[in-house]
Amino acid sequence: MNAPETLLEVNNLKKHFPIKGGFFSKVVGQVKAVDDVSFHIHKGETMGLVGESGCGKTTTGRTILRALEPTSGEVWFADETMGRVNLAQLDRDKLKVARRNIQMIFQDPYSSLNPRMNLLQLIGEPLYIHNIARGEALKNRVAELLQVVGLRPEYMNRYPHAFSGGQRQRIGIARALGLNPQLIICDEPVSALDVSIQAQIINLLKDLQAQFGLTYLFIAHDLSVVEYTCDRIAVMYVGKMVETATTKELFSRPLHPYTEALLAAVPRPDPRTRTEPIVLSGDVASPANPPTGCYFHPRCRYSDGKRCVHETPVLREVRPGHRVSCHYAEELDLKGAVPANVQEKA
């Protein structure tokens, strides 16, 4: 069996924001929003990126897309037009070509749409900018995209205020699909929607992936959504990658104490299924002033107070396809989440 083709490979990606102070606004520090992140995504799969709010998930996605300029690192993308390219080093013209194949669905369906533009303008703008379609051809393409996401073509002359949150997110999805991208970065695409609407949007994304052969980087903090949607999962904590594995492996046999705590907080619909909550002490470390050693050690109940404090763990492969940055990953016996399809007998 041939190995799956790698579409995106991120190596040692960093995004630091300067902290300025004093009369002359000198740089007095750095906010390490993304700090040495590495992962890869295979063609046709959905890669989940999870963690607490503020851990750097969205910044990672925007830095890959070059909406934010990376401080350092490599972002290798198998572009169908230019071949394998490092997005972090492309000039403006080549980056424009690459962006045809990488699109983004934003978290907030309300602020991501210009209220002064109708649907024809909103969805047709990428097609116009990249000289894909004009005039009647543009209208036909927008009508086609509206039908693909479950909206009526007659809506193209309406403005965003006439639509609900779920419909607006469908508009955002149609806009992302317009250029037939290879990779779509989904930045918490359902977190601002009602639960019933969330299910519709998630199922739509899965149907579109099957129909068009899409690859997703799915950024989220709801592990229930990630479990249903993603093939593999990467866990971030304070700008660093702490664990990556397949969804089944991560949920059943986590290797990092932070992942164990996240899984313990996943609600289960069956009241007979009991999970013991894990209460993390202290606050999330500041990316502007992270602790020494392992960033998680001040909140970790397994910390030895010595090696964890002074030595920074590296992301290493402990099991096939399962990487973790924890000094004692092989020694810890961590609990995973109870599988959704398994019910304990009363």
C-alpha atoms as a PDB file:
ATOM      1  CA  MET A   1       0.000   0.000   0.000  1.00  0.00           C
ATOM      2  CA  ASN A   2       1.410   3.364  -1.021  1.00  0.00           C
ATOM      3  CA  ALA A   3       2.034   5.985   1.654  1.00  0.00           C
ATOM      4  CA  PRO A   4      -0.487   8.867   1.593  1.00  0.00           C
ATOM      5  CA  GLU A   5       0.647  11.990  -0.232  1.00  0.00           C
ATOM      6  CA  THR A   6       1.615  14.905   2.009  1.00  0.00           C
ATOM      7  CA  LEU A   7      -0.169  18.099   0.981  1.00  0.00           C
ATOM      8  CA  LEU A   8       1.080  20.439   3.724  1.00  0.00           C
ATOM      9  CA  GLU A   9       4.214  20.133   5.864  1.00  0.00           C
ATOM     10  CA  VAL A  10       4.896  22.689   8.600  1.00  0.00           C
ATOM     11  CA  ASN A  11       8.401  22.680  10.108  1.00  0.00           C
ATOM     12  CA  ASN A  12       9.460  24.687  13.175  1.00  0.00           C
ATOM     13  CA  LEU A  13       6.946  27.462  12.504  1.00  0.00           C
ATOM     14  CA  LYS A  14       7.197  30.497  14.774  1.00  0.00           C
ATOM     15  CA  LYS A  15       5.156  33.679  15.044  1.00  0.00           C
ATOM     16  CA  HIS A  16       6.317  36.151  17.688  1.00  0.00           C
ATOM     17  CA  PHE A  17       4.700  39.531  18.273  1.00  0.00           C
ATOM     18  CA  PRO A  18       6.952  42.289  19.696  1.00  0.00           C
ATOM     19  CA  ILE A  19       6.112  43.937  23.012  1.00  0.00           C
ATOM     20  CA  LYS A  20       7.062  47.612  22.931  1.00  0.00           C
ATOM     21  CA  GLY A  21       7.472  49.935  25.890  1.00  0.00           C
ATOM     22  CA  GLY A  22       9.101  53.130  27.062  1.00  0.00           C
ATOM     23  CA  PHE A  23       9.232  56.589  25.530  1.00  0.00           C
ATOM     24  CA  PHE A  24      10.950  55.386  22.350  1.00  0.00           C
ATOM     25  CA  SER A  25       8.734  52.272  21.998  1.00  0.00           C
ATOM     26  CA  LYS A  26      11.643  49.891  22.182  1.00  0.00           C
ATOM     27  CA  VAL A  27      11.034  46.163  21.930  1.00  0.00           C
ATOM     28  CA  VAL A  28      11.119  44.859  25.496  1.00  0.00           C
ATOM     29  CA  GLY A  29       9.813  41.359  24.923  1.00  0.00           C
ATOM     30  CA  GLN A  30       8.050  38.899  22.621  1.00  0.00           C
ATOM     31  CA  VAL A  31       4.663  37.217  22.688  1.00  0.00           C
ATOM     32  CA  LYS A  32       5.405  33.714  21.439  1.00  0.00           C
ATOM     33  CA  ALA A  33       1.995  33.026  19.914  1.00  0.00           C
ATOM     34  CA  VAL A  34       3.312  30.144  17.777  1.00  0.00           C
ATOM     35  CA  ASP A  35       6.523  28.624  19.079  1.00  0.00           C
ATOM     36  CA  ASP A  36       8.296  25.944  17.038  1.00  0.00           C
ATOM     37  CA  VAL A  37       5.225  24.138  15.663  1.00  0.00           C
ATOM     38  CA  SER A  38       5.632  21.167  13.309  1.00  0.00           C
ATOM     39  CA  PHE A  39       3.012  18.892  11.734  1.00  0.00           C
ATOM     40  CA  HIS A  40       1.866  17.594   8.352  1.00  0.00           C
ATOM     41  CA  ILE A  41      -1.443  16.992   6.567  1.00  0.00           C
ATOM     42  CA  HIS A  42      -2.068  14.233   4.043  1.00  0.00           C
ATOM     43  CA  LYS A  43      -4.030  14.889   0.886  1.00  0.00           C
ATOM     44  CA  GLY A  44      -7.760  14.277   1.369  1.00  0.00           C
ATOM     45  CA  GLU A  45      -7.731  14.069   5.176  1.00  0.00           C
ATOM     46  CA  THR A  46      -9.022  16.333   7.933  1.00  0.00           C
ATOM     47  CA  MET A  47      -6.413  17.391  10.490  1.00  0.00           C
ATOM     48  CA  GLY A  48      -7.778  18.773  13.753  1.00  0.00           C
ATOM     49  CA  LEU A  49      -5.927  21.482  15.676  1.00  0.00           C
ATOM     50  CA  VAL A  50      -7.200  21.768  19.260  1.00  0.00           C
ATOM     51  CA  GLY A  51      -6.373  23.488  22.522  1.00  0.00           C
ATOM     52  CA  GLU A  52      -7.619  26.123  24.944  1.00  0.00           C
ATOM     53  CA  SER A  53      -8.499  29.619  23.768  1.00  0.00           C
ATOM     54  CA  GLY A  54      -5.334  31.652  23.255  1.00  0.00           C
ATOM     55  CA  CYS A  55      -3.050  28.661  22.623  1.00  0.00           C
ATOM     56  CA  GLY A  56      -2.172  29.840  19.102  1.00  0.00           C
ATOM     57  CA  LYS A  57      -4.478  27.732  16.909  1.00  0.00           C
ATOM     58  CA  THR A  58      -5.891  30.586  14.827  1.00  0.00           C
ATOM     59  CA  THR A  59      -2.506  32.313  14.613  1.00  0.00           C
ATOM     60  CA  THR A  60      -1.051  29.071  13.248  1.00  0.00           C
ATOM     61  CA  GLY A  61      -3.706  28.923  10.535  1.00  0.00           C
ATOM     62  CA  ARG A  62      -3.283  32.564   9.554  1.00  0.00           C
ATOM     63  CA  THR A  63       0.512  32.236   9.496  1.00  0.00           C
ATOM     64  CA  ILE A  64       0.311  29.217   7.183  1.00  0.00           C
ATOM     65  CA  LEU A  65      -1.857  31.292   4.850  1.00  0.00           C
ATOM     66  CA  ARG A  66       0.567  34.244   5.176  1.00  0.00           C
ATOM     67  CA  ALA A  67      -2.220  36.495   6.463  1.00  0.00           C
ATOM     68  CA  LEU A  68       0.383  36.925   9.215  1.00  0.00           C
ATOM     69  CA  GLU A  69       4.058  36.891   8.294  1.00  0.00           C
ATOM     70  CA  PRO A  70       5.945  34.062  10.042  1.00  0.00           C
ATOM     71  CA  THR A  71       8.868  34.925  12.287  1.00  0.00           C
ATOM     72  CA  SER A  72      10.678  31.795  11.108  1.00  0.00           C
ATOM     73  CA  GLY A  73      10.033  28.262   9.931  1.00  0.00           C
ATOM     74  CA  GLU A  74       8.934  26.457   6.773  1.00  0.00           C
ATOM     75  CA  VAL A  75       5.489  25.825   5.294  1.00  0.00           C
ATOM     76  CA  TRP A  76       5.805  23.367   2.403  1.00  0.00           C
ATOM     77  CA  PHE A  77       2.727  23.044   0.197  1.00  0.00           C
ATOM     78  CA  ALA A  78       2.226  20.667  -2.753  1.00  0.00           C
ATOM     79  CA  ASP A  79       0.653  23.251  -5.062  1.00  0.00           C
ATOM     80  CA  GLU A  80      -0.935  21.695  -8.143  1.00  0.00           C
ATOM     81  CA  THR A  81       0.262  24.627 -10.291  1.00  0.00           C
ATOM     82  CA  MET A  82       3.787  25.359  -9.002  1.00  0.00           C
ATOM     83  CA  GLY A  83       4.706  22.062  -7.390  1.00  0.00           C
ATOM     84  CA  ARG A  84       6.137  21.800  -3.876  1.00  0.00           C
ATOM     85  CA  VAL A  85       6.785  25.336  -2.591  1.00  0.00           C
ATOM     86  CA  ASN A  86       7.679  26.961   0.712  1.00  0.00           C
ATOM     87  CA  LEU A  87       4.820  29.388   1.356  1.00  0.00           C
ATOM     88  CA  ALA A  88       6.879  31.226   3.965  1.00  0.00           C
ATOM     89  CA  GLN A  89       9.334  32.445   1.303  1.00  0.00           C
ATOM     90  CA  LEU A  90       7.141  33.087  -1.741  1.00  0.00           C
ATOM     91  CA  ASP A  91       7.106  36.562  -3.247  1.00  0.00           C
ATOM     92  CA  ARG A  92       3.853  38.471  -3.712  1.00  0.00           C
ATOM     93  CA  ASP A  93       3.055  37.212  -7.216  1.00  0.00           C
ATOM     94  CA  LYS A  94       3.690  33.541  -6.473  1.00  0.00           C
ATOM     95  CA  LEU A  95       1.835  33.804  -3.161  1.00  0.00           C
ATOM     96  CA  LYS A  96      -1.229  35.051  -5.041  1.00  0.00           C
ATOM     97  CA  VAL A  97      -1.090  31.941  -7.229  1.00  0.00           C
ATOM     98  CA  ALA A  98      -0.715  29.677  -4.180  1.00  0.00           C
ATOM     99  CA  ARG A  99      -3.660  31.307  -2.420  1.00  0.00           C
ATOM    100  CA  ARG A 100      -5.962  30.055  -5.155  1.00  0.00           C
ATOM    101  CA  ASN A 101      -5.373  26.608  -3.705  1.00  0.00           C
ATOM    102  CA  ILE A 102      -5.552  27.537   0.004  1.00  0.00           C
ATOM    103  CA  GLN A 103      -8.722  29.156   1.322  1.00  0.00           C
ATOM    104  CA  MET A 104     -10.108  29.914   4.768  1.00  0.00           C
ATOM    105  CA  ILE A 105     -13.504  29.670   6.470  1.00  0.00           C
ATOM    106  CA  PHE A 106     -13.674  32.141   9.347  1.00  0.00           C
ATOM    107  CA  GLN A 107     -15.090  31.653  12.829  1.00  0.00           C
ATOM    108  CA  ASP A 108     -17.574  34.523  12.921  1.00  0.00           C
ATOM    109  CA  PRO A 109     -20.077  34.405  10.043  1.00  0.00           C
ATOM    110  CA  TYR A 110     -21.262  37.903  10.925  1.00  0.00           C
ATOM    111  CA  SER A 111     -18.011  39.907  10.854  1.00  0.00           C
ATOM    112  CA  SER A 112     -16.415  37.929   7.999  1.00  0.00           C
ATOM    113  CA  LEU A 113     -18.927  39.206   5.423  1.00  0.00           C
ATOM    114  CA  ASN A 114     -18.929  42.815   4.219  1.00  0.00           C
ATOM    115  CA  PRO A 115     -22.452  44.166   4.949  1.00  0.00           C
ATOM    116  CA  ARG A 116     -22.232  46.526   1.941  1.00  0.00           C
ATOM    117  CA  MET A 117     -21.743  43.709  -0.576  1.00  0.00           C
ATOM    118  CA  ASN A 118     -24.428  41.363  -1.864  1.00  0.00           C
ATOM    119  CA  LEU A 119     -23.851  37.640  -2.353  1.00  0.00           C
ATOM    120  CA  LEU A 120     -22.867  38.033  -5.985  1.00  0.00           C
ATOM    121  CA  GLN A 121     -20.092  40.429  -4.952  1.00  0.00           C
ATOM    122  CA  LEU A 122     -19.046  38.484  -1.843  1.00  0.00           C
ATOM    123  CA  ILE A 123     -18.760  35.075  -3.486  1.00  0.00           C
ATOM    124  CA  GLY A 124     -17.643  36.435  -6.858  1.00  0.00           C
ATOM    125  CA  GLU A 125     -14.837  38.635  -5.521  1.00  0.00           C
ATOM    126  CA  PRO A 126     -12.160  35.875  -5.471  1.00  0.00           C
ATOM    127  CA  LEU A 127     -13.185  34.841  -8.987  1.00  0.00           C
ATOM    128  CA  TYR A 128     -12.862  38.436 -10.161  1.00  0.00           C
ATOM    129  CA  ILE A 129      -9.497  39.049  -8.462  1.00  0.00           C
ATOM    130  CA  HIS A 130      -7.951  35.905  -9.960  1.00  0.00           C
ATOM    131  CA  ASN A 131      -9.482  36.541 -13.407  1.00  0.00           C
ATOM    132  CA  ILE A 132     -11.446  33.282 -13.317  1.00  0.00           C
ATOM    133  CA  ALA A 133     -14.819  34.649 -14.435  1.00  0.00           C
ATOM    134  CA  ARG A 134     -16.499  37.916 -15.379  1.00  0.00           C
ATOM    135  CA  GLY A 135     -19.992  39.025 -16.360  1.00  0.00           C
ATOM    136  CA  GLU A 136     -22.523  36.270 -17.043  1.00  0.00           C
ATOM    137  CA  ALA A 137     -19.967  33.525 -16.368  1.00  0.00           C
ATOM    138  CA  LEU A 138     -19.422  35.003 -12.901  1.00  0.00           C
ATOM    139  CA  LYS A 139     -23.163  34.982 -12.157  1.00  0.00           C
ATOM    140  CA  ASN A 140     -23.466  31.382 -13.307  1.00  0.00           C
ATOM    141  CA  ARG A 141     -20.558  30.295 -11.126  1.00  0.00           C
ATOM    142  CA  VAL A 142     -21.971  32.081  -8.061  1.00  0.00           C
ATOM    143  CA  ALA A 143     -25.379  30.487  -8.676  1.00  0.00           C
ATOM    144  CA  GLU A 144     -23.694  27.078  -8.881  1.00  0.00           C
ATOM    145  CA  LEU A 145     -21.793  27.642  -5.631  1.00  0.00           C
ATOM    146  CA  LEU A 146     -24.953  28.737  -3.813  1.00  0.00           C
ATOM    147  CA  GLN A 147     -26.686  25.531  -4.854  1.00  0.00           C
ATOM    148  CA  VAL A 148     -23.702  23.447  -3.743  1.00  0.00           C
ATOM    149  CA  VAL A 149     -23.929  24.834  -0.176  1.00  0.00           C
ATOM    150  CA  GLY A 150     -27.718  24.533   0.009  1.00  0.00           C
ATOM    151  CA  LEU A 151     -28.819  28.087  -0.824  1.00  0.00           C
ATOM    152  CA  ARG A 152     -31.036  29.305  -3.667  1.00  0.00           C
ATOM    153  CA  PRO A 153     -29.437  31.126  -6.643  1.00  0.00           C
ATOM    154  CA  GLU A 154     -32.068  33.876  -6.360  1.00  0.00           C
ATOM    155  CA  TYR A 155     -30.372  34.965  -3.141  1.00  0.00           C
ATOM    156  CA  MET A 156     -27.323  36.380  -4.956  1.00  0.00           C
ATOM    157  CA  ASN A 157     -28.771  39.922  -4.971  1.00  0.00           C
ATOM    158  CA  ARG A 158     -29.446  39.925  -1.220  1.00  0.00           C
ATOM    159  CA  TYR A 159     -27.154  41.318   1.490  1.00  0.00           C
ATOM    160  CA  PRO A 160     -25.762  39.490   4.563  1.00  0.00           C
ATOM    161  CA  HIS A 161     -28.238  41.064   7.007  1.00  0.00           C
ATOM    162  CA  ALA A 162     -31.040  39.053   5.348  1.00  0.00           C
ATOM    163  CA  PHE A 163     -29.547  35.713   6.432  1.00  0.00           C
ATOM    164  CA  SER A 164     -29.247  33.727   9.650  1.00  0.00           C
ATOM    165  CA  GLY A 165     -25.924  32.712  11.201  1.00  0.00           C
ATOM    166  CA  GLY A 166     -26.012  29.252   9.615  1.00  0.00           C
ATOM    167  CA  GLN A 167     -26.844  30.682   6.205  1.00  0.00           C
ATOM    168  CA  ARG A 168     -24.027  33.210   6.509  1.00  0.00           C
ATOM    169  CA  GLN A 169     -21.579  30.430   7.250  1.00  0.00           C
ATOM    170  CA  ARG A 170     -22.809  28.627   4.130  1.00  0.00           C
ATOM    171  CA  ILE A 171     -22.055  31.835   2.210  1.00  0.00           C
ATOM    172  CA  GLY A 172     -18.534  31.809   3.662  1.00  0.00           C
ATOM    173  CA  ILE A 173     -18.108  28.190   2.600  1.00  0.00           C
ATOM    174  CA  ALA A 174     -19.312  29.013  -0.927  1.00  0.00           C
ATOM    175  CA  ARG A 175     -16.764  31.829  -1.111  1.00  0.00           C
ATOM    176  CA  ALA A 176     -13.976  29.454  -0.018  1.00  0.00           C
ATOM    177  CA  LEU A 177     -15.013  26.889  -2.647  1.00  0.00           C
ATOM    178  CA  GLY A 178     -15.073  29.379  -5.524  1.00  0.00           C
ATOM    179  CA  LEU A 179     -11.473  28.845  -6.662  1.00  0.00           C
ATOM    180  CA  ASN A 180     -11.539  25.028  -6.333  1.00  0.00           C
ATOM    181  CA  PRO A 181      -8.895  24.973  -3.557  1.00  0.00           C
ATOM    182  CA  GLN A 182      -6.842  21.983  -2.490  1.00  0.00           C
ATOM    183  CA  LEU A 183      -6.721  22.964   1.192  1.00  0.00           C
ATOM    184  CA  ILE A 184      -9.298  24.807   3.302  1.00  0.00           C
ATOM    185  CA  ILE A 185      -8.385  26.123   6.761  1.00  0.00           C
ATOM    186  CA  CYS A 186     -11.539  25.954   8.875  1.00  0.00           C
ATOM    187  CA  ASP A 187     -11.094  28.367  11.798  1.00  0.00           C
ATOM    188  CA  GLU A 188     -13.682  27.153  14.316  1.00  0.00           C
ATOM    189  CA  PRO A 189     -16.382  27.226  11.628  1.00  0.00           C
ATOM    190  CA  VAL A 190     -19.238  26.086  13.909  1.00  0.00           C
ATOM    191  CA  SER A 191     -18.360  27.553  17.332  1.00  0.00           C
ATOM    192  CA  ALA A 192     -20.548  30.648  16.819  1.00  0.00           C
ATOM    193  CA  LEU A 193     -23.610  28.623  15.722  1.00  0.00           C
ATOM    194  CA  ASP A 194     -26.450  26.870  17.534  1.00  0.00           C
ATOM    195  CA  VAL A 195     -25.919  23.157  18.152  1.00  0.00           C
ATOM    196  CA  SER A 196     -28.564  22.058  15.627  1.00  0.00           C
ATOM    197  CA  ILE A 197     -27.008  24.315  12.970  1.00  0.00           C
ATOM    198  CA  GLN A 198     -23.540  23.059  13.869  1.00  0.00           C
ATOM    199  CA  ALA A 199     -24.532  19.544  12.812  1.00  0.00           C
ATOM    200  CA  GLN A 200     -25.789  20.796   9.452  1.00  0.00           C
ATOM    201  CA  ILE A 201     -22.575  22.725   8.716  1.00  0.00           C
ATOM    202  CA  ILE A 202     -20.330  19.839   9.799  1.00  0.00           C
ATOM    203  CA  ASN A 203     -22.214  17.394   7.592  1.00  0.00           C
ATOM    204  CA  LEU A 204     -22.036  19.885   4.715  1.00  0.00           C
ATOM    205  CA  LEU A 205     -18.256  20.132   5.103  1.00  0.00           C
ATOM    206  CA  LYS A 206     -17.916  16.339   5.093  1.00  0.00           C
ATOM    207  CA  ASP A 207     -20.117  16.044   1.980  1.00  0.00           C
ATOM    208  CA  LEU A 208     -18.099  18.720   0.176  1.00  0.00           C
ATOM    209  CA  GLN A 209     -14.866  16.962   1.087  1.00  0.00           C
ATOM    210  CA  ALA A 210     -16.111  13.742  -0.471  1.00  0.00           C
ATOM    211  CA  GLN A 211     -17.495  15.541  -3.535  1.00  0.00           C
ATOM    212  CA  PHE A 212     -14.483  17.738  -4.330  1.00  0.00           C
ATOM    213  CA  GLY A 213     -11.590  15.818  -2.728  1.00  0.00           C
ATOM    214  CA  LEU A 214     -10.849  18.617  -0.252  1.00  0.00           C
ATOM    215  CA  THR A 215      -8.280  18.627   2.542  1.00  0.00           C
ATOM    216  CA  TYR A 216      -9.115  20.415   5.794  1.00  0.00           C
ATOM    217  CA  LEU A 217      -7.133  21.916   8.644  1.00  0.00           C
ATOM    218  CA  PHE A 218      -9.946  22.002  11.206  1.00  0.00           C
ATOM    219  CA  ILE A 219      -9.246  24.411  14.085  1.00  0.00           C
ATOM    220  CA  ALA A 220     -11.547  23.873  17.072  1.00  0.00           C
ATOM    221  CA  HIS A 221     -11.798  23.666  20.834  1.00  0.00           C
ATOM    222  CA  ASP A 222     -14.838  21.347  20.961  1.00  0.00           C
ATOM    223  CA  LEU A 223     -13.406  17.840  21.091  1.00  0.00           C
ATOM    224  CA  SER A 224     -16.802  16.261  20.402  1.00  0.00           C
ATOM    225  CA  VAL A 225     -16.859  18.007  17.028  1.00  0.00           C
ATOM    226  CA  VAL A 226     -13.235  17.094  16.363  1.00  0.00           C
ATOM    227  CA  GLU A 227     -13.845  13.417  17.192  1.00  0.00           C
ATOM    228  CA  TYR A 228     -16.599  13.231  14.577  1.00  0.00           C
ATOM    229  CA  THR A 229     -14.868  15.319  11.920  1.00  0.00           C
ATOM    230  CA  CYS A 230     -11.128  14.656  11.961  1.00  0.00           C
ATOM    231  CA  ASP A 231      -8.859  11.808  10.879  1.00  0.00           C
ATOM    232  CA  ARG A 232      -5.904  13.009  12.946  1.00  0.00           C
ATOM    233  CA  ILE A 233      -5.546  15.523  15.769  1.00  0.00           C
ATOM    234  CA  ALA A 234      -2.779  17.867  16.922  1.00  0.00           C
ATOM    235  CA  VAL A 235      -2.957  19.343  20.426  1.00  0.00           C
ATOM    236  CA  MET A 236      -1.462  22.773  21.189  1.00  0.00           C
ATOM    237  CA  TYR A 237      -0.600  24.379  24.520  1.00  0.00           C
ATOM    238  CA  VAL A 238       0.753  27.947  24.829  1.00  0.00           C
ATOM    239  CA  GLY A 239       2.014  28.073  21.242  1.00  0.00           C
ATOM    240  CA  LYS A 240       3.642  24.633  21.274  1.00  0.00           C
ATOM    241  CA  MET A 241       2.573  21.313  19.831  1.00  0.00           C
ATOM    242  CA  VAL A 242       2.307  18.767  22.654  1.00  0.00           C
ATOM    243  CA  GLU A 243       0.761  15.711  20.948  1.00  0.00           C
ATOM    244  CA  THR A 244      -0.304  14.446  17.504  1.00  0.00           C
ATOM    245  CA  ALA A 245      -2.015  11.156  16.673  1.00  0.00           C
ATOM    246  CA  THR A 246      -4.941   9.611  14.844  1.00  0.00           C
ATOM    247  CA  THR A 247      -8.317  10.487  16.349  1.00  0.00           C
ATOM    248  CA  LYS A 248      -8.949   6.933  17.553  1.00  0.00           C
ATOM    249  CA  GLU A 249      -5.493   6.639  19.109  1.00  0.00           C
ATOM    250  CA  LEU A 250      -5.649  10.037  20.813  1.00  0.00           C
ATOM    251  CA  PHE A 251      -9.077   9.465  22.331  1.00  0.00           C
ATOM    252  CA  SER A 252      -8.313   5.960  23.527  1.00  0.00           C
ATOM    253  CA  ARG A 253      -4.643   6.214  24.563  1.00  0.00           C
ATOM    254  CA  PRO A 254      -3.418   9.794  25.147  1.00  0.00           C
ATOM    255  CA  LEU A 255       0.237  10.251  26.057  1.00  0.00           C
ATOM    256  CA  HIS A 256       0.314  13.847  27.325  1.00  0.00           C
ATOM    257  CA  PRO A 257      -1.243  14.920  30.667  1.00  0.00           C
ATOM    258  CA  TYR A 258      -2.769  17.995  29.027  1.00  0.00           C
ATOM    259  CA  THR A 259      -4.542  15.824  26.433  1.00  0.00           C
ATOM    260  CA  GLU A 260      -5.828  13.598  29.240  1.00  0.00           C
ATOM    261  CA  ALA A 261      -7.319  16.651  30.977  1.00  0.00           C
ATOM    262  CA  LEU A 262      -8.975  17.847  27.757  1.00  0.00           C
ATOM    263  CA  LEU A 263     -10.520  14.434  27.115  1.00  0.00           C
ATOM    264  CA  ALA A 264     -11.834  14.201  30.672  1.00  0.00           C
ATOM    265  CA  ALA A 265     -13.858  17.368  30.011  1.00  0.00           C
ATOM    266  CA  VAL A 266     -15.627  15.972  26.930  1.00  0.00           C
ATOM    267  CA  PRO A 267     -19.345  15.584  27.782  1.00  0.00           C
ATOM    268  CA  ARG A 268     -21.036  12.302  26.920  1.00  0.00           C
ATOM    269  CA  PRO A 269     -24.764  12.016  26.148  1.00  0.00           C
ATOM    270  CA  ASP A 270     -25.256   8.786  28.111  1.00  0.00           C
ATOM    271  CA  PRO A 271     -25.766   9.562  31.845  1.00  0.00           C
ATOM    272  CA  ARG A 272     -24.591   6.033  32.691  1.00  0.00           C
ATOM    273  CA  THR A 273     -21.174   6.844  31.266  1.00  0.00           C
ATOM    274  CA  ARG A 274     -19.100   8.343  34.054  1.00  0.00           C
ATOM    275  CA  THR A 275     -15.784  10.143  33.654  1.00  0.00           C
ATOM    276  CA  GLU A 276     -13.709  11.493  36.512  1.00  0.00           C
ATOM    277  CA  PRO A 277     -13.023  15.213  35.968  1.00  0.00           C
ATOM    278  CA  ILE A 278      -9.431  16.427  36.075  1.00  0.00           C
ATOM    279  CA  VAL A 279      -9.088  19.848  37.651  1.00  0.00           C
ATOM    280  CA  LEU A 280      -5.978  21.688  36.481  1.00  0.00           C
ATOM    281  CA  SER A 281      -4.509  23.963  39.125  1.00  0.00           C
ATOM    282  CA  GLY A 282      -3.216  27.442  38.364  1.00  0.00           C
ATOM    283  CA  ASP A 283      -3.632  29.535  35.239  1.00  0.00           C
ATOM    284  CA  VAL A 284      -2.610  29.015  31.634  1.00  0.00           C
ATOM    285  CA  ALA A 285       0.981  30.190  31.133  1.00  0.00           C
ATOM    286  CA  SER A 286       1.487  33.514  29.380  1.00  0.00           C
ATOM    287  CA  PRO A 287       3.054  33.276  25.897  1.00  0.00           C
ATOM    288  CA  ALA A 288       4.828  36.542  26.739  1.00  0.00           C
ATOM    289  CA  ASN A 289       6.487  35.010  29.804  1.00  0.00           C
ATOM    290  CA  PRO A 290       6.313  31.194  29.571  1.00  0.00           C
ATOM    291  CA  PRO A 291       7.760  29.008  32.336  1.00  0.00           C
ATOM    292  CA  THR A 292      11.058  27.201  31.980  1.00  0.00           C
ATOM    293  CA  GLY A 293      11.215  23.572  30.901  1.00  0.00           C
ATOM    294  CA  CYS A 294       7.852  22.085  29.983  1.00  0.00           C
ATOM    295  CA  TYR A 295       5.278  24.870  29.638  1.00  0.00           C
ATOM    296  CA  PHE A 296       2.639  22.637  31.227  1.00  0.00           C
ATOM    297  CA  HIS A 297       4.588  21.685  34.353  1.00  0.00           C
ATOM    298  CA  PRO A 298       3.000  24.297  36.721  1.00  0.00           C
ATOM    299  CA  ARG A 299      -0.425  22.684  36.119  1.00  0.00           C
ATOM    300  CA  CYS A 300       0.645  19.062  35.644  1.00  0.00           C
ATOM    301  CA  ARG A 301      -0.190  16.615  38.410  1.00  0.00           C
ATOM    302  CA  TYR A 302       2.563  14.271  37.184  1.00  0.00           C
ATOM    303  CA  SER A 303       5.393  16.849  37.244  1.00  0.00           C
ATOM    304  CA  ASP A 304       8.511  15.732  39.101  1.00  0.00           C
ATOM    305  CA  GLY A 305       9.514  19.318  39.929  1.00  0.00           C
ATOM    306  CA  LYS A 306      13.003  18.749  38.551  1.00  0.00           C
ATOM    307  CA  ARG A 307      13.410  17.593  34.973  1.00  0.00           C
ATOM    308  CA  CYS A 308      10.014  19.019  33.977  1.00  0.00           C
ATOM    309  CA  VAL A 309      11.024  22.434  35.350  1.00  0.00           C
ATOM    310  CA  HIS A 310      14.488  22.692  33.833  1.00  0.00           C
ATOM    311  CA  GLU A 311      14.468  20.620  30.632  1.00  0.00           C
ATOM    312  CA  THR A 312      12.287  21.409  27.609  1.00  0.00           C
ATOM    313  CA  PRO A 313      10.732  18.236  26.139  1.00  0.00           C
ATOM    314  CA  VAL A 314      10.948  17.640  22.390  1.00  0.00           C
ATOM    315  CA  LEU A 315       8.135  16.353  20.180  1.00  0.00           C
ATOM    316  CA  ARG A 316       9.096  12.721  19.537  1.00  0.00           C
ATOM    317  CA  GLU A 317       7.435   9.604  18.160  1.00  0.00           C
ATOM    318  CA  VAL A 318       6.576   7.187  20.946  1.00  0.00           C
ATOM    319  CA  ARG A 319       4.210   4.943  18.976  1.00  0.00           C
ATOM    320  CA  PRO A 320       3.859   4.646  15.195  1.00  0.00           C
ATOM    321  CA  GLY A 321       2.289   7.926  14.058  1.00  0.00           C
ATOM    322  CA  HIS A 322       1.869   9.109  17.667  1.00  0.00           C
ATOM    323  CA  ARG A 323       4.150  11.959  18.762  1.00  0.00           C
ATOM    324  CA  VAL A 324       4.277  13.675  22.132  1.00  0.00           C
ATOM    325  CA  SER A 325       6.417  16.216  23.996  1.00  0.00           C
ATOM    326  CA  CYS A 326       6.529  14.771  27.505  1.00  0.00           C
ATOM    327  CA  HIS A 327       9.556  13.434  29.379  1.00  0.00           C
ATOM    328  CA  TYR A 328       7.589  10.596  30.987  1.00  0.00           C
ATOM    329  CA  ALA A 329       5.172   9.622  28.191  1.00  0.00           C
ATOM    330  CA  GLU A 330       6.269   5.959  28.258  1.00  0.00           C
ATOM    331  CA  GLU A 331       5.845   5.694  32.034  1.00  0.00           C
ATOM    332  CA  LEU A 332       2.461   7.366  32.536  1.00  0.00           C
ATOM    333  CA  ASP A 333      -0.794   5.403  32.350  1.00  0.00           C
ATOM    334  CA  LEU A 334      -3.233   8.065  31.193  1.00  0.00           C
ATOM    335  CA  LYS A 335      -6.977   7.685  30.739  1.00  0.00           C
ATOM    336  CA  GLY A 336      -8.657   8.352  27.421  1.00  0.00           C
ATOM    337  CA  ALA A 337     -12.219   9.376  26.742  1.00  0.00           C
ATOM    338  CA  VAL A 338     -14.910   6.722  26.838  1.00  0.00           C
ATOM    339  CA  PRO A 339     -15.719   5.878  23.184  1.00  0.00           C
ATOM    340  CA  ALA A 340     -18.991   7.452  22.056  1.00  0.00           C
ATOM    341  CA  ASN A 341     -20.381   4.109  20.869  1.00  0.00           C
ATOM    342  CA  VAL A 342     -19.623   2.231  24.086  1.00  0.00           C
ATOM    343  CA  GLN A 343     -22.136   2.296  26.930  1.00  0.00           C
ATOM    344  CA  GLU A 344     -21.420   0.922  30.353  1.00  0.00           C
ATOM    345  CA  LYS A 345     -24.023  -1.423  31.760  1.00  0.00           C
ATOM    346  CA  ALA A 346     -25.993   0.011  34.635  1.00  0.00           C
END
